[in-house]
Amino acid sequence: MLRSLRHLRRLSAAVLRPIPTSPPTRQPCRPLLRPFSTYTTPLVGPVLCKSTEADPTRDDAGRIAEEEEIIGRGDTDAYQAIELALDSVVKVFTVSSSPNYFLPWQNKAQRDTTGSGFVLPNRRILTNAHVVADHTFVLVRKHGSPTKYKAEVEAIGHECDLALLSVSNEEFWQGMNCLELGDIPLLQEAVAVVGYPQGGDNISVTKGVVSRVEPTQYVHGAAQLMAIQIDAAINPGNSGGPAIMLDKVAGVAFQNLSGAENIGYIIPVPVIHHFLSAAENYAGFCSLGLSCQPTENVQLRDHFKMGDRVTGVLVSKVNPLSDAARVLKKDDVVLAFDGVTIANDGTVPFRNRERITFDHLVSMKKPGETALIRVLRDGKELEFNVTLKPLQPLVPVHQFDKLPSYYIFGGFVFVPLTQPYLHEYGDDWYNASPRKLCEKALRDLPQKPGQQLVILSQVLMDDINTGYERLSELQVKKVNGIEVENLKHLCSLVETCETENLRFDLDDERVIVLNYQNAKSATARILKRHRIPSAMSSDLAEDDEKVAEDREMEISS
C-alpha cells in the first residue's frame, strides 16, 4: 500500500534510471562488449499519415485478410534487409570523455563504446546521438572491411537522439550504397533491425513486428516524441542501426525496455526528417509551453462551461517564455490545435482507429511556424495564433558535448544547477541529492531569458572561508543585495565589486561575508593547492575578456 507521495517516489526511483522524466526502466541501447548495467546514459509539418477513420466499405474479413498479408511479408523481409544492409550499415567506434560535474574543471576517464549507423544520400551516415555523445574521437568500419576510417560529427540532436557523421576518405565510399527513408509502418507490419549488437563482431539482423506507435520518452534527451515499439531484439550495440521494412528504412533503433523481453523502440521517419531538415542549424523540437490537465471528469467540465459536444484539456501552467503566454492563461481549455479537435484525454486522431497525444502535432512544427489554437474561456470560444519555438527548461536536462561552467572565488565553487550535476549523486539521485535542488530542477520554470539557478557547489577549505564549509549545495540568491540572474551575472558582480566586504545571500536565509581583497588574494593560492588551472570556465573567461576590451575602448575614446 502506498501511504504517501514520498513513498511512491521512493518506489519509482527504484526503476527510474538516469533521467527523471524518462519512463520506468527504459534504457538507451548501449555499446558492445560491456555489461549493460555499466553504461551511463548515456517531422515535415503536422502529419496524421493515413486516414483518421475506418473505411466503412470494408468488412471485417477484408481487414483480417490485409493483416494476414502484412504478417506474411515478414518471411522475406529479413533476407531483403541483409542484402540492403551489407553495403549500407557501418559499425561506429567512439572514444568519449564526460565532464565531472562535482569537479567541473576536469573530465572523467575516457571510455570506448560502439554502435551502429547507416548511409544516407549525399554521403552522410545517420546514427544515434548517444553513440557519439561527449566524443573525442570517432571511427567507422564498413561490413567486410578490416579498416577503420575517421569520421566527423556534422550535426547532432540530443532531444531526438540522432546524429550525422561524415567521412572524408574516398576509399571508404567505394562500394557503399545509401538507404532510403520510408514511412511509418502499420501495426503488426514486419521490420528487420540491422546492426552490430553485443555477442559478436559481425553484422546482425533480427526480425520483429510493430507493436504500437505513440509518443514516448526518449531516454537520452528526455524529450517526448513519437516512437515505434517493436518486438525485435534491440541490444547494446544496435543503437543507430536501421529498422528496414521491405526495401526502405522505417526507423532507427535507439532504446529498449530493460527487464522485459524483446521490447525495443525505433525512431520513426517523421522525426528523422524533422532532424535532417534542420541539421545544419539544429535548434531542437518545438513546444507550446503549456502544462495541461485532462478534463475527463464531468464536474470539472461543467465548472468550466464545457458543453456535451465540447472536448479539450485544461491549462494548468504556462511557460512565461513561450509565445503562448502572450494570449493564453491558466484555466483556459484548449479545444483544438490547427483545426484538429483535442479529446478530453489530450489525444487526437491518428491513422486508422488510433489516437496519439496532441503534443505530437506540436513537436512536428518547425521553429518559427505558427499554430491556430482554439480555446474556451469563460464559456466563450476564442482563437489565437501562437508562434512555436523550442523552449529550454530553467534547469537543463542534459549538457552533452559541452564543458560545465564554474566560477571560484575565495574557495567557493559556484555552478549553475543542471540535472547532470544531480545525476552525480548516483542512480538513486532523486533521493540522494539535496531535496530543494531536486524539486527546483523538476518543477520551476524560467521567468526571464538566460536565467539560471546558481548554487554553491562546494567549499575548498582555506583560512579565508573557515566556518562556512557547511553552506554548500545551496542556491545563491543575491550578491551585495543584487539578485543573481545567472552564473555570468554572479561572476560580473564579484569581479566588479568596489566595497570592502562581499556579501552572498543564500537559500535558507544563510549569509556569507568576505573581505573582498583578502578573498581575492586567497583565490590564487587555493587554485594552486588544488591544481585547478583557472578560477573560471572557458566560457566565462571569454566573456570576461570581451568586457575588459570594451572597457579599454570606452576609456580610450
Protein backbone atom coordinates (compact mmCIF):
# COMPACT_ATOMS: atom_id res chain seq x y z
CA MET A 1 0.00 0.00 0.00
CA LEU A 2 1.32 3.40 -0.95
CA ARG A 3 0.99 5.53 2.18
CA SER A 4 2.34 8.79 0.86
CA LEU A 5 3.59 10.60 -2.20
CA ARG A 6 7.11 10.38 -0.81
CA HIS A 7 6.78 6.58 -0.50
CA LEU A 8 5.57 6.47 -4.10
CA ARG A 9 8.55 8.48 -5.29
CA ARG A 10 10.95 6.15 -3.49
CA LEU A 11 9.38 3.16 -5.17
CA SER A 12 9.52 4.89 -8.55
CA ALA A 13 13.17 5.78 -8.09
CA ALA A 14 13.98 2.08 -7.85
CA VAL A 15 13.04 1.59 -11.50
CA LEU A 16 13.75 5.01 -12.97
CA ARG A 17 17.26 5.15 -14.28
CA PRO A 18 19.36 8.20 -15.06
CA ILE A 19 16.83 10.72 -16.37
CA PRO A 20 13.96 11.66 -14.04
CA THR A 21 11.34 12.30 -16.69
CA SER A 22 12.00 9.04 -18.55
CA PRO A 23 9.57 6.12 -18.35
CA PRO A 24 10.38 3.35 -15.87
CA THR A 25 13.47 1.27 -16.72
CA ARG A 26 13.61 2.35 -20.36
CA GLN A 27 17.29 2.46 -21.27
CA PRO A 28 19.19 3.58 -24.36
CA CYS A 29 20.78 0.75 -26.31
CA ARG A 30 24.38 0.82 -25.29
CA PRO A 31 27.61 -0.17 -26.89
CA LEU A 32 29.18 -3.55 -27.34
CA LEU A 33 31.07 -5.93 -25.08
CA ARG A 34 30.27 -4.38 -21.74
CA PRO A 35 27.75 -5.33 -19.07
CA PHE A 36 24.54 -3.46 -19.87
CA SER A 37 24.23 -2.05 -16.36
CA THR A 38 27.65 -0.37 -16.52
CA TYR A 39 26.72 2.10 -19.23
CA THR A 40 25.89 5.63 -18.20
CA THR A 41 23.21 7.45 -20.10
CA PRO A 42 24.07 7.96 -21.93
CA LEU A 43 8.64 15.78 -38.62
CA VAL A 44 7.83 18.00 -42.01
CA GLY A 45 4.68 19.83 -40.73
CA PRO A 46 1.91 18.11 -38.78
CA VAL A 47 1.20 14.77 -40.42
CA LEU A 48 -1.51 12.34 -39.44
CA CYS A 49 -0.14 9.89 -42.02
CA LYS A 50 -3.19 7.97 -43.22
CA SER A 51 -6.95 8.19 -42.88
CA THR A 52 -8.15 9.01 -39.39
CA GLU A 53 -11.32 6.96 -39.77
CA ALA A 54 -12.01 3.33 -40.64
CA ASP A 55 -13.18 2.56 -44.18
CA PRO A 56 -16.94 1.90 -43.86
CA THR A 57 -17.00 -0.05 -47.15
CA ARG A 58 -14.52 -2.66 -45.96
CA ASP A 59 -15.83 -5.57 -43.84
CA ASP A 60 -14.05 -7.44 -41.05
CA ALA A 61 -12.98 -10.21 -43.42
CA GLY A 62 -11.19 -7.67 -45.59
CA ARG A 63 -9.33 -6.23 -42.63
CA ILE A 64 -8.30 -9.70 -41.43
CA ALA A 65 -7.02 -10.60 -44.90
CA GLU A 66 -4.96 -7.41 -45.03
CA GLU A 67 -3.45 -8.09 -41.61
CA GLU A 68 -2.55 -11.66 -42.63
CA GLU A 69 -0.90 -10.32 -45.78
CA ILE A 70 1.16 -7.84 -43.71
CA ILE A 71 2.30 -10.55 -41.30
CA GLY A 72 3.17 -12.84 -44.20
CA ARG A 73 5.57 -10.30 -45.64
CA GLY A 74 7.90 -10.86 -42.68
CA ASP A 75 9.16 -14.16 -44.13
CA THR A 76 11.20 -12.37 -46.79
CA ASP A 77 11.94 -9.08 -45.03
CA ALA A 78 14.99 -10.41 -43.18
CA TYR A 79 16.61 -11.62 -46.40
CA GLN A 80 15.95 -8.30 -48.16
CA ALA A 81 17.32 -6.44 -45.15
CA ILE A 82 20.57 -8.41 -45.29
CA GLU A 83 21.05 -7.63 -48.97
CA LEU A 84 20.39 -3.92 -48.41
CA ALA A 85 22.45 -3.67 -45.24
CA LEU A 86 25.71 -5.30 -46.30
CA ASP A 87 26.83 -2.22 -48.23
CA SER A 88 24.98 0.37 -46.15
CA VAL A 89 25.28 -0.34 -42.42
CA VAL A 90 28.51 0.53 -40.59
CA LYS A 91 29.93 -0.06 -37.14
CA VAL A 92 30.73 3.09 -35.16
CA PHE A 93 33.64 3.18 -32.68
CA THR A 94 33.60 6.10 -30.24
CA VAL A 95 36.10 7.34 -27.68
CA SER A 96 34.34 9.69 -25.29
CA SER A 97 35.02 11.56 -22.07
CA SER A 98 32.24 13.04 -19.94
CA PRO A 99 32.65 16.05 -17.63
CA ASN A 100 32.88 15.68 -13.87
CA TYR A 101 30.15 17.99 -12.59
CA PHE A 102 31.40 17.87 -8.99
CA LEU A 103 34.88 18.92 -10.23
CA PRO A 104 33.88 20.88 -13.33
CA TRP A 105 37.46 21.82 -14.28
CA GLN A 106 38.24 18.21 -15.23
CA ASN A 107 36.82 15.29 -17.21
CA LYS A 108 36.21 11.70 -16.20
CA ALA A 109 38.32 8.86 -17.61
CA GLN A 110 37.73 8.24 -21.30
CA ARG A 111 35.77 5.17 -22.38
CA ASP A 112 35.42 3.17 -25.59
CA THR A 113 31.95 2.38 -26.91
CA THR A 114 30.47 1.07 -30.15
CA GLY A 115 27.20 1.43 -32.01
CA SER A 116 25.76 1.20 -35.50
CA GLY A 117 24.92 3.60 -38.31
CA PHE A 118 23.80 3.58 -41.93
CA VAL A 119 24.46 5.56 -45.08
CA LEU A 120 22.03 8.21 -46.36
CA PRO A 121 22.19 10.07 -49.69
CA ASN A 122 24.86 12.79 -50.07
CA ARG A 123 27.44 10.69 -48.25
CA ARG A 124 26.05 11.10 -44.78
CA ILE A 125 25.92 8.48 -42.02
CA LEU A 126 23.00 8.52 -39.58
CA THR A 127 23.42 7.16 -36.07
CA ASN A 128 22.21 7.84 -32.53
CA ALA A 129 23.31 10.91 -30.59
CA HIS A 130 24.07 8.80 -27.51
CA VAL A 131 26.53 6.73 -29.58
CA VAL A 132 28.76 9.79 -30.13
CA ALA A 133 27.81 12.00 -27.15
CA ASP A 134 30.81 13.69 -25.48
CA HIS A 135 33.04 12.19 -28.19
CA THR A 136 36.73 12.89 -28.54
CA PHE A 137 37.36 10.54 -31.48
CA VAL A 138 35.06 8.62 -33.85
CA LEU A 139 35.85 5.80 -36.29
CA VAL A 140 33.58 3.81 -38.63
CA ARG A 141 34.07 0.44 -40.28
CA LYS A 142 32.03 -0.97 -43.14
CA HIS A 143 30.98 -4.60 -43.46
CA GLY A 144 33.67 -6.97 -44.64
CA SER A 145 36.49 -4.46 -44.22
CA PRO A 146 39.28 -4.60 -41.61
CA THR A 147 39.92 -0.85 -41.96
CA LYS A 148 38.51 1.81 -39.68
CA TYR A 149 38.05 5.31 -41.07
CA LYS A 150 37.99 8.56 -39.13
CA ALA A 151 34.58 10.23 -39.01
CA GLU A 152 33.46 13.72 -38.02
CA VAL A 153 30.21 14.59 -36.26
CA GLU A 154 28.50 17.07 -38.57
CA ALA A 155 25.23 17.57 -36.68
CA ILE A 156 23.69 16.21 -33.51
CA GLY A 157 20.24 16.41 -31.93
CA HIS A 158 20.20 15.13 -28.39
CA GLU A 159 16.44 15.59 -27.95
CA CYS A 160 15.67 13.21 -30.83
CA ASP A 161 18.80 11.07 -30.22
CA LEU A 162 20.11 11.42 -33.79
CA ALA A 163 23.49 12.42 -35.23
CA LEU A 164 25.02 12.82 -38.69
CA LEU A 165 28.57 11.70 -39.44
CA SER A 166 30.80 12.37 -42.44
CA VAL A 167 33.89 10.54 -43.72
CA SER A 168 36.35 12.43 -45.93
CA ASN A 169 38.36 9.39 -47.06
CA GLU A 170 37.28 8.48 -50.62
CA GLU A 171 38.30 4.86 -50.15
CA PHE A 172 35.56 4.39 -47.57
CA TRP A 173 32.81 5.26 -50.04
CA GLN A 174 33.85 2.73 -52.69
CA GLY A 175 31.09 0.14 -52.99
CA MET A 176 28.82 1.81 -50.43
CA ASN A 177 25.10 2.19 -51.11
CA CYS A 178 22.63 4.52 -49.41
CA LEU A 179 19.31 3.58 -47.85
CA GLU A 180 16.04 5.42 -48.48
CA LEU A 181 13.65 6.53 -45.77
CA GLY A 182 10.15 5.05 -45.94
CA ASP A 183 7.00 5.71 -43.92
CA ILE A 184 5.54 4.84 -40.53
CA PRO A 185 4.71 1.11 -40.57
CA LEU A 186 1.27 -0.21 -39.69
CA LEU A 187 0.63 -2.27 -36.57
CA GLN A 188 1.84 -5.88 -36.97
CA GLU A 189 3.90 -4.94 -40.04
CA ALA A 190 7.23 -6.79 -40.13
CA VAL A 191 10.57 -4.98 -39.74
CA ALA A 192 14.17 -6.20 -39.61
CA VAL A 193 16.67 -4.47 -37.30
CA VAL A 194 20.23 -4.44 -38.63
CA GLY A 195 23.33 -3.53 -36.64
CA TYR A 196 26.28 -4.68 -34.58
CA PRO A 197 24.92 -5.75 -31.18
CA GLN A 198 26.84 -7.38 -28.35
CA GLY A 199 27.83 -11.01 -28.66
CA GLY A 200 29.90 -10.78 -31.83
CA ASP A 201 31.75 -8.55 -34.25
CA ASN A 202 29.85 -9.16 -37.48
CA ILE A 203 26.62 -7.63 -38.72
CA SER A 204 23.40 -8.97 -37.18
CA VAL A 205 19.77 -9.00 -38.35
CA THR A 206 16.79 -9.56 -36.04
CA LYS A 207 13.16 -9.68 -37.16
CA GLY A 208 10.02 -8.48 -35.43
CA VAL A 209 6.69 -6.72 -35.88
CA VAL A 210 5.35 -3.30 -34.93
CA SER A 211 3.50 -3.41 -31.59
CA ARG A 212 2.45 0.23 -31.12
CA VAL A 213 3.10 3.77 -32.32
CA GLU A 214 2.86 6.60 -29.77
CA PRO A 215 4.84 9.45 -28.15
CA THR A 216 7.47 8.00 -25.84
CA GLN A 217 10.08 9.43 -23.52
CA TYR A 218 13.45 9.46 -25.29
CA VAL A 219 15.84 8.48 -22.51
CA HIS A 220 18.94 10.20 -23.90
CA GLY A 221 17.48 13.69 -24.32
CA ALA A 222 14.39 13.36 -22.09
CA ALA A 223 12.10 14.58 -24.88
CA GLN A 224 8.57 13.27 -25.51
CA LEU A 225 8.49 12.35 -29.21
CA MET A 226 6.84 9.76 -31.39
CA ALA A 227 8.44 6.31 -31.24
CA ILE A 228 7.64 2.86 -32.63
CA GLN A 229 7.63 -0.15 -30.31
CA ILE A 230 8.69 -3.43 -31.89
CA ASP A 231 9.24 -6.94 -30.59
CA ALA A 232 12.60 -7.44 -32.33
CA ALA A 233 15.59 -7.78 -30.01
CA ILE A 234 17.42 -4.45 -29.67
CA ASN A 235 20.58 -4.97 -27.65
CA PRO A 236 23.60 -2.84 -26.69
CA GLY A 237 25.43 -2.02 -29.92
CA ASN A 238 22.25 -1.96 -32.06
CA SER A 239 21.88 1.76 -31.41
CA GLY A 240 21.88 3.75 -34.65
CA GLY A 241 21.14 0.77 -36.87
CA PRO A 242 18.24 0.87 -39.32
CA ALA A 243 14.92 -0.94 -38.95
CA ILE A 244 14.11 -1.99 -42.52
CA MET A 245 10.63 -2.61 -43.88
CA LEU A 246 10.65 -4.14 -47.37
CA ASP A 247 13.34 -2.08 -49.11
CA LYS A 248 13.22 1.14 -47.08
CA VAL A 249 14.11 2.40 -43.61
CA ALA A 250 11.18 2.51 -41.18
CA GLY A 251 13.20 3.88 -38.27
CA VAL A 252 16.42 3.94 -36.24
CA ALA A 253 16.95 1.60 -33.28
CA PHE A 254 17.70 3.58 -30.14
CA GLN A 255 16.44 2.14 -26.83
CA ASN A 256 14.77 -0.82 -25.18
CA LEU A 257 12.73 -1.62 -22.09
CA SER A 258 15.01 -3.25 -19.55
CA GLY A 259 13.51 -6.09 -17.56
CA ALA A 260 11.23 -7.05 -20.45
CA GLU A 261 11.86 -9.47 -23.29
CA ASN A 262 12.10 -8.20 -26.85
CA ILE A 263 10.57 -4.78 -26.33
CA GLY A 264 12.57 -2.28 -28.34
CA TYR A 265 11.98 1.18 -29.77
CA ILE A 266 12.87 2.81 -33.06
CA ILE A 267 12.83 6.48 -34.06
CA PRO A 268 10.21 6.90 -36.83
CA VAL A 269 10.79 8.54 -40.18
CA PRO A 270 8.86 11.79 -39.43
CA VAL A 271 11.22 12.53 -36.52
CA ILE A 272 14.23 11.70 -38.71
CA HIS A 273 13.00 14.03 -41.47
CA HIS A 274 12.43 16.80 -38.92
CA PHE A 275 16.03 16.45 -37.71
CA LEU A 276 17.54 16.23 -41.20
CA SER A 277 15.62 19.26 -42.48
CA ALA A 278 17.29 21.49 -39.88
CA ALA A 279 20.51 19.55 -39.21
CA GLU A 280 22.84 22.41 -40.17
CA ASN A 281 21.15 24.80 -37.72
CA TYR A 282 19.51 22.34 -35.37
CA ALA A 283 17.72 24.09 -32.51
CA GLY A 284 15.54 21.31 -31.09
CA PHE A 285 11.84 20.47 -31.22
CA CYS A 286 9.08 22.99 -30.65
CA SER A 287 6.99 23.24 -27.52
CA LEU A 288 3.74 25.07 -26.88
CA GLY A 289 4.86 25.85 -23.33
CA LEU A 290 1.70 24.56 -21.69
CA SER A 291 1.11 22.11 -18.88
CA CYS A 292 -2.37 20.66 -19.34
CA GLN A 293 -4.78 18.53 -17.35
CA PRO A 294 -7.32 16.07 -18.83
CA THR A 295 -10.98 17.03 -18.46
CA GLU A 296 -12.50 13.56 -18.21
CA ASN A 297 -14.42 14.37 -15.03
CA VAL A 298 -17.98 15.57 -15.69
CA GLN A 299 -17.99 18.01 -12.78
CA LEU A 300 -14.75 19.58 -13.97
CA ARG A 301 -16.20 20.08 -17.46
CA ASP A 302 -19.39 21.58 -16.05
CA HIS A 303 -17.39 24.02 -13.91
CA PHE A 304 -15.55 25.35 -16.97
CA LYS A 305 -18.78 25.53 -19.02
CA MET A 306 -17.88 22.77 -21.45
CA GLY A 307 -20.99 21.53 -23.25
CA ASP A 308 -21.72 17.91 -24.12
CA ARG A 309 -20.02 18.20 -27.50
CA VAL A 310 -17.07 20.31 -26.38
CA THR A 311 -13.83 18.48 -25.64
CA GLY A 312 -10.34 19.67 -24.71
CA VAL A 313 -7.72 19.91 -21.99
CA LEU A 314 -7.39 22.40 -19.13
CA VAL A 315 -4.35 24.70 -19.00
CA SER A 316 -2.76 24.44 -15.55
CA LYS A 317 0.55 26.23 -16.20
CA VAL A 318 2.01 28.46 -18.94
CA ASN A 319 5.74 28.90 -19.55
CA PRO A 320 6.42 32.66 -19.25
CA LEU A 321 8.99 32.50 -22.08
CA SER A 322 6.60 30.91 -24.59
CA ASP A 323 4.59 32.89 -27.12
CA ALA A 324 1.50 31.20 -25.69
CA ALA A 325 1.97 33.26 -22.50
CA ARG A 326 1.04 36.30 -24.59
CA VAL A 327 -2.53 35.09 -25.27
CA LEU A 328 -3.26 32.01 -23.13
CA LYS A 329 -3.67 31.79 -19.38
CA LYS A 330 -4.37 29.36 -16.59
CA ASP A 331 -7.88 27.80 -16.66
CA ASP A 332 -8.25 28.17 -20.44
CA VAL A 333 -9.49 24.98 -22.11
CA VAL A 334 -7.57 24.12 -25.29
CA LEU A 335 -10.14 22.73 -27.74
CA ALA A 336 -8.18 22.33 -30.99
CA PHE A 337 -4.70 22.66 -32.47
CA ASP A 338 -4.52 23.75 -36.13
CA GLY A 339 -8.12 22.67 -36.63
CA VAL A 340 -7.64 19.20 -35.11
CA THR A 341 -10.05 18.63 -32.23
CA ILE A 342 -8.46 17.56 -28.95
CA ALA A 343 -10.25 14.93 -26.85
CA ASN A 344 -10.75 15.20 -23.11
CA ASP A 345 -7.78 12.90 -22.52
CA GLY A 346 -5.49 15.10 -24.67
CA THR A 347 -5.39 12.84 -27.73
CA VAL A 348 -6.11 13.47 -31.41
CA PRO A 349 -6.96 11.05 -34.26
CA PHE A 350 -4.00 9.24 -35.81
CA ARG A 351 -4.28 6.91 -38.80
CA ASN A 352 -6.90 4.16 -38.76
CA ARG A 353 -8.67 3.96 -35.39
CA GLU A 354 -5.54 5.01 -33.50
CA ARG A 355 -5.06 8.03 -31.26
CA ILE A 356 -2.00 9.98 -30.21
CA THR A 357 -1.38 12.86 -27.79
CA PHE A 358 -1.64 16.29 -29.39
CA ASP A 359 1.95 17.02 -28.31
CA HIS A 360 2.97 15.14 -31.44
CA LEU A 361 1.37 17.82 -33.64
CA VAL A 362 3.28 20.49 -31.72
CA SER A 363 6.64 18.69 -31.98
CA MET A 364 6.31 18.34 -35.76
CA LYS A 365 6.18 22.10 -36.23
CA LYS A 366 9.36 23.85 -37.32
CA PRO A 367 10.76 26.68 -35.17
CA GLY A 368 9.12 29.97 -36.12
CA GLU A 369 5.95 28.42 -37.54
CA THR A 370 2.57 29.45 -36.18
CA ALA A 371 -0.34 27.35 -35.00
CA LEU A 372 -4.01 28.23 -34.64
CA ILE A 373 -5.17 27.48 -31.10
CA ARG A 374 -8.88 27.38 -30.27
CA VAL A 375 -9.69 27.77 -26.58
CA LEU A 376 -12.71 28.04 -24.31
CA ARG A 377 -12.52 30.92 -21.83
CA ASP A 378 -15.43 31.79 -19.52
CA GLY A 379 -17.78 29.84 -21.77
CA LYS A 380 -16.71 31.64 -24.97
CA GLU A 381 -14.65 30.13 -27.78
CA LEU A 382 -11.63 32.17 -28.90
CA GLU A 383 -8.90 31.61 -31.49
CA PHE A 384 -5.27 32.73 -31.26
CA ASN A 385 -2.22 32.38 -33.48
CA VAL A 386 0.80 31.22 -31.48
CA THR A 387 4.38 31.12 -32.74
CA LEU A 388 6.15 27.92 -31.76
CA LYS A 389 9.79 27.52 -30.78
CA PRO A 390 11.99 25.19 -28.72
CA LEU A 391 11.85 26.11 -25.03
CA GLN A 392 14.70 25.49 -22.63
CA PRO A 393 13.91 24.50 -19.03
CA LEU A 394 15.22 26.51 -16.11
CA VAL A 395 17.43 23.58 -15.11
CA PRO A 396 18.91 21.87 -18.23
CA VAL A 397 18.09 18.19 -18.57
CA HIS A 398 21.29 17.38 -20.45
CA GLN A 399 24.63 19.08 -21.14
CA PHE A 400 26.27 16.80 -23.73
CA ASP A 401 29.22 17.93 -25.84
CA LYS A 402 29.97 20.98 -23.72
CA LEU A 403 32.11 21.73 -20.68
CA PRO A 404 30.37 22.73 -17.43
CA SER A 405 30.51 26.35 -16.35
CA TYR A 406 32.03 27.22 -12.98
CA TYR A 407 33.43 30.16 -11.04
CA ILE A 408 35.73 30.01 -7.99
CA PHE A 409 36.23 32.88 -5.56
CA GLY A 410 37.74 32.57 -2.11
CA GLY A 411 37.46 28.79 -2.32
CA PHE A 412 33.72 28.89 -3.00
CA VAL A 413 32.80 26.92 -6.15
CA PHE A 414 29.74 28.34 -7.92
CA VAL A 415 27.99 26.40 -10.72
CA PRO A 416 24.62 26.57 -12.50
CA LEU A 417 22.25 23.82 -11.40
CA THR A 418 21.76 21.11 -14.04
CA GLN A 419 20.29 17.65 -13.95
CA PRO A 420 23.66 16.09 -14.89
CA TYR A 421 25.01 17.69 -11.70
CA LEU A 422 22.29 15.93 -9.70
CA HIS A 423 23.00 12.67 -11.53
CA GLU A 424 26.47 12.68 -9.96
CA TYR A 425 24.77 11.57 -6.74
CA GLY A 426 24.25 8.12 -8.29
CA ASP A 427 21.44 6.00 -9.70
CA ASP A 428 19.19 6.94 -6.78
CA TRP A 429 19.92 10.63 -7.28
CA TYR A 430 16.31 11.66 -6.71
CA ASN A 431 16.56 10.59 -3.07
CA ALA A 432 20.31 11.10 -2.60
CA SER A 433 20.60 14.66 -3.96
CA PRO A 434 19.63 17.77 -1.93
CA ARG A 435 15.83 17.80 -1.76
CA LYS A 436 15.30 21.50 -2.50
CA LEU A 437 17.61 21.47 -5.51
CA CYS A 438 15.90 18.39 -6.87
CA GLU A 439 12.44 19.90 -6.56
CA LYS A 440 13.57 23.12 -8.23
CA ALA A 441 15.13 21.15 -11.08
CA LEU A 442 11.92 19.26 -11.81
CA ARG A 443 9.28 21.93 -11.22
CA ASP A 444 10.46 25.52 -11.52
CA LEU A 445 10.01 27.45 -14.78
CA PRO A 446 12.29 30.24 -16.06
CA GLN A 447 10.92 33.76 -15.60
CA LYS A 448 13.32 35.55 -17.97
CA PRO A 449 15.65 34.61 -20.85
CA GLY A 450 19.09 33.37 -19.80
CA GLN A 451 18.03 32.71 -16.22
CA GLN A 452 19.94 30.06 -14.24
CA LEU A 453 19.79 28.71 -10.72
CA VAL A 454 23.30 29.33 -9.38
CA ILE A 455 24.37 27.15 -6.48
CA LEU A 456 27.33 27.00 -4.13
CA SER A 457 28.56 23.54 -5.08
CA GLN A 458 31.36 23.10 -2.53
CA VAL A 459 33.88 24.93 -0.37
CA LEU A 460 37.61 24.39 -1.00
CA MET A 461 38.90 24.84 2.54
CA ASP A 462 41.21 27.71 3.42
CA ASP A 463 41.67 30.17 6.28
CA ILE A 464 39.56 32.69 4.38
CA ASN A 465 36.42 30.50 4.41
CA THR A 466 36.74 28.66 7.71
CA GLY A 467 33.31 28.29 9.31
CA TYR A 468 31.47 28.37 6.00
CA GLU A 469 32.23 24.76 4.99
CA ARG A 470 28.69 23.54 5.76
CA LEU A 471 27.00 26.06 3.48
CA SER A 472 27.47 24.08 0.28
CA GLU A 473 24.65 22.82 -2.01
CA LEU A 474 22.56 25.97 -1.52
CA GLN A 475 21.21 28.38 -4.12
CA VAL A 476 22.90 31.79 -4.31
CA LYS A 477 20.14 34.39 -4.42
CA LYS A 478 21.94 37.74 -4.05
CA VAL A 479 25.41 39.29 -4.27
CA ASN A 480 25.72 42.55 -2.34
CA GLY A 481 21.93 42.87 -2.36
CA ILE A 482 21.56 42.34 -6.13
CA GLU A 483 19.55 39.32 -7.30
CA VAL A 484 21.63 36.82 -9.27
CA GLU A 485 20.32 36.13 -12.78
CA ASN A 486 22.87 33.53 -13.86
CA LEU A 487 26.47 32.45 -13.29
CA LYS A 488 27.83 35.06 -15.70
CA HIS A 489 25.97 37.76 -13.77
CA LEU A 490 27.33 36.47 -10.45
CA CYS A 491 30.87 36.46 -11.86
CA SER A 492 30.43 40.05 -13.05
CA LEU A 493 29.08 41.21 -9.67
CA VAL A 494 32.03 39.68 -7.84
CA GLU A 495 34.72 40.83 -10.26
CA THR A 496 33.46 44.43 -10.25
CA CYS A 497 32.92 44.64 -6.50
CA GLU A 498 34.01 48.05 -5.14
CA THR A 499 33.08 47.60 -1.47
CA GLU A 500 35.34 46.41 1.33
CA ASN A 501 33.17 43.37 2.07
CA LEU A 502 31.46 40.99 -0.32
CA ARG A 503 28.13 39.51 0.79
CA PHE A 504 26.38 36.41 -0.58
CA ASP A 505 22.76 35.70 0.38
CA LEU A 506 21.95 32.01 0.07
CA ASP A 507 18.87 29.85 0.32
CA ASP A 508 17.55 29.11 3.84
CA GLU A 509 18.45 32.72 4.76
CA ARG A 510 22.16 31.84 5.07
CA VAL A 511 24.74 34.63 4.64
CA ILE A 512 28.43 34.64 3.64
CA VAL A 513 30.54 37.78 4.16
CA LEU A 514 34.16 38.02 2.94
CA ASN A 515 36.77 40.74 2.95
CA TYR A 516 36.96 41.27 -0.80
CA GLN A 517 40.71 41.91 -1.18
CA ASN A 518 41.71 39.11 1.20
CA ALA A 519 39.40 36.65 -0.57
CA LYS A 520 40.73 37.71 -3.96
CA SER A 521 44.31 37.10 -2.80
CA ALA A 522 43.35 33.73 -1.29
CA THR A 523 41.82 32.52 -4.55
CA ALA A 524 45.22 32.19 -6.26
CA ARG A 525 46.74 30.00 -3.54
CA ILE A 526 43.60 27.85 -3.32
CA LEU A 527 43.74 27.20 -7.06
CA LYS A 528 47.41 26.27 -6.82
CA ARG A 529 46.83 23.96 -3.85
CA HIS A 530 44.07 22.06 -5.67
CA ARG A 531 45.83 22.13 -9.08
CA ILE A 532 42.94 23.95 -10.71
CA PRO A 533 44.06 25.66 -13.93
CA SER A 534 41.63 28.62 -13.84
CA ALA A 535 39.26 30.39 -11.48
CA MET A 536 36.53 30.30 -14.11
CA SER A 537 35.42 28.11 -17.01
CA SER A 538 36.45 28.99 -20.55
CA ASP A 539 33.03 30.41 -21.48
CA LEU A 540 33.15 32.88 -18.58
CA ALA A 541 36.79 33.72 -19.29
CA GLU A 542 35.93 34.65 -22.89
CA ASP A 543 33.09 36.87 -21.71
CA ASP A 544 35.41 38.45 -19.13
CA GLU A 545 37.97 39.25 -21.83
CA LYS A 546 35.31 40.88 -24.00
CA VAL A 547 34.16 43.04 -21.09
CA ALA A 548 37.76 44.13 -20.44
CA GLU A 549 38.25 45.01 -24.11
CA ASP A 550 35.04 47.04 -24.15
CA ARG A 551 36.17 48.96 -21.06
CA GLU A 552 39.54 49.77 -22.64
CA MET A 553 37.79 51.06 -25.76
CA GLU A 554 35.50 53.26 -23.65
CA ILE A 555 38.47 54.68 -21.72
CA SER A 556 40.47 55.37 -24.90
CA SER A 557 37.50 57.09 -26.54
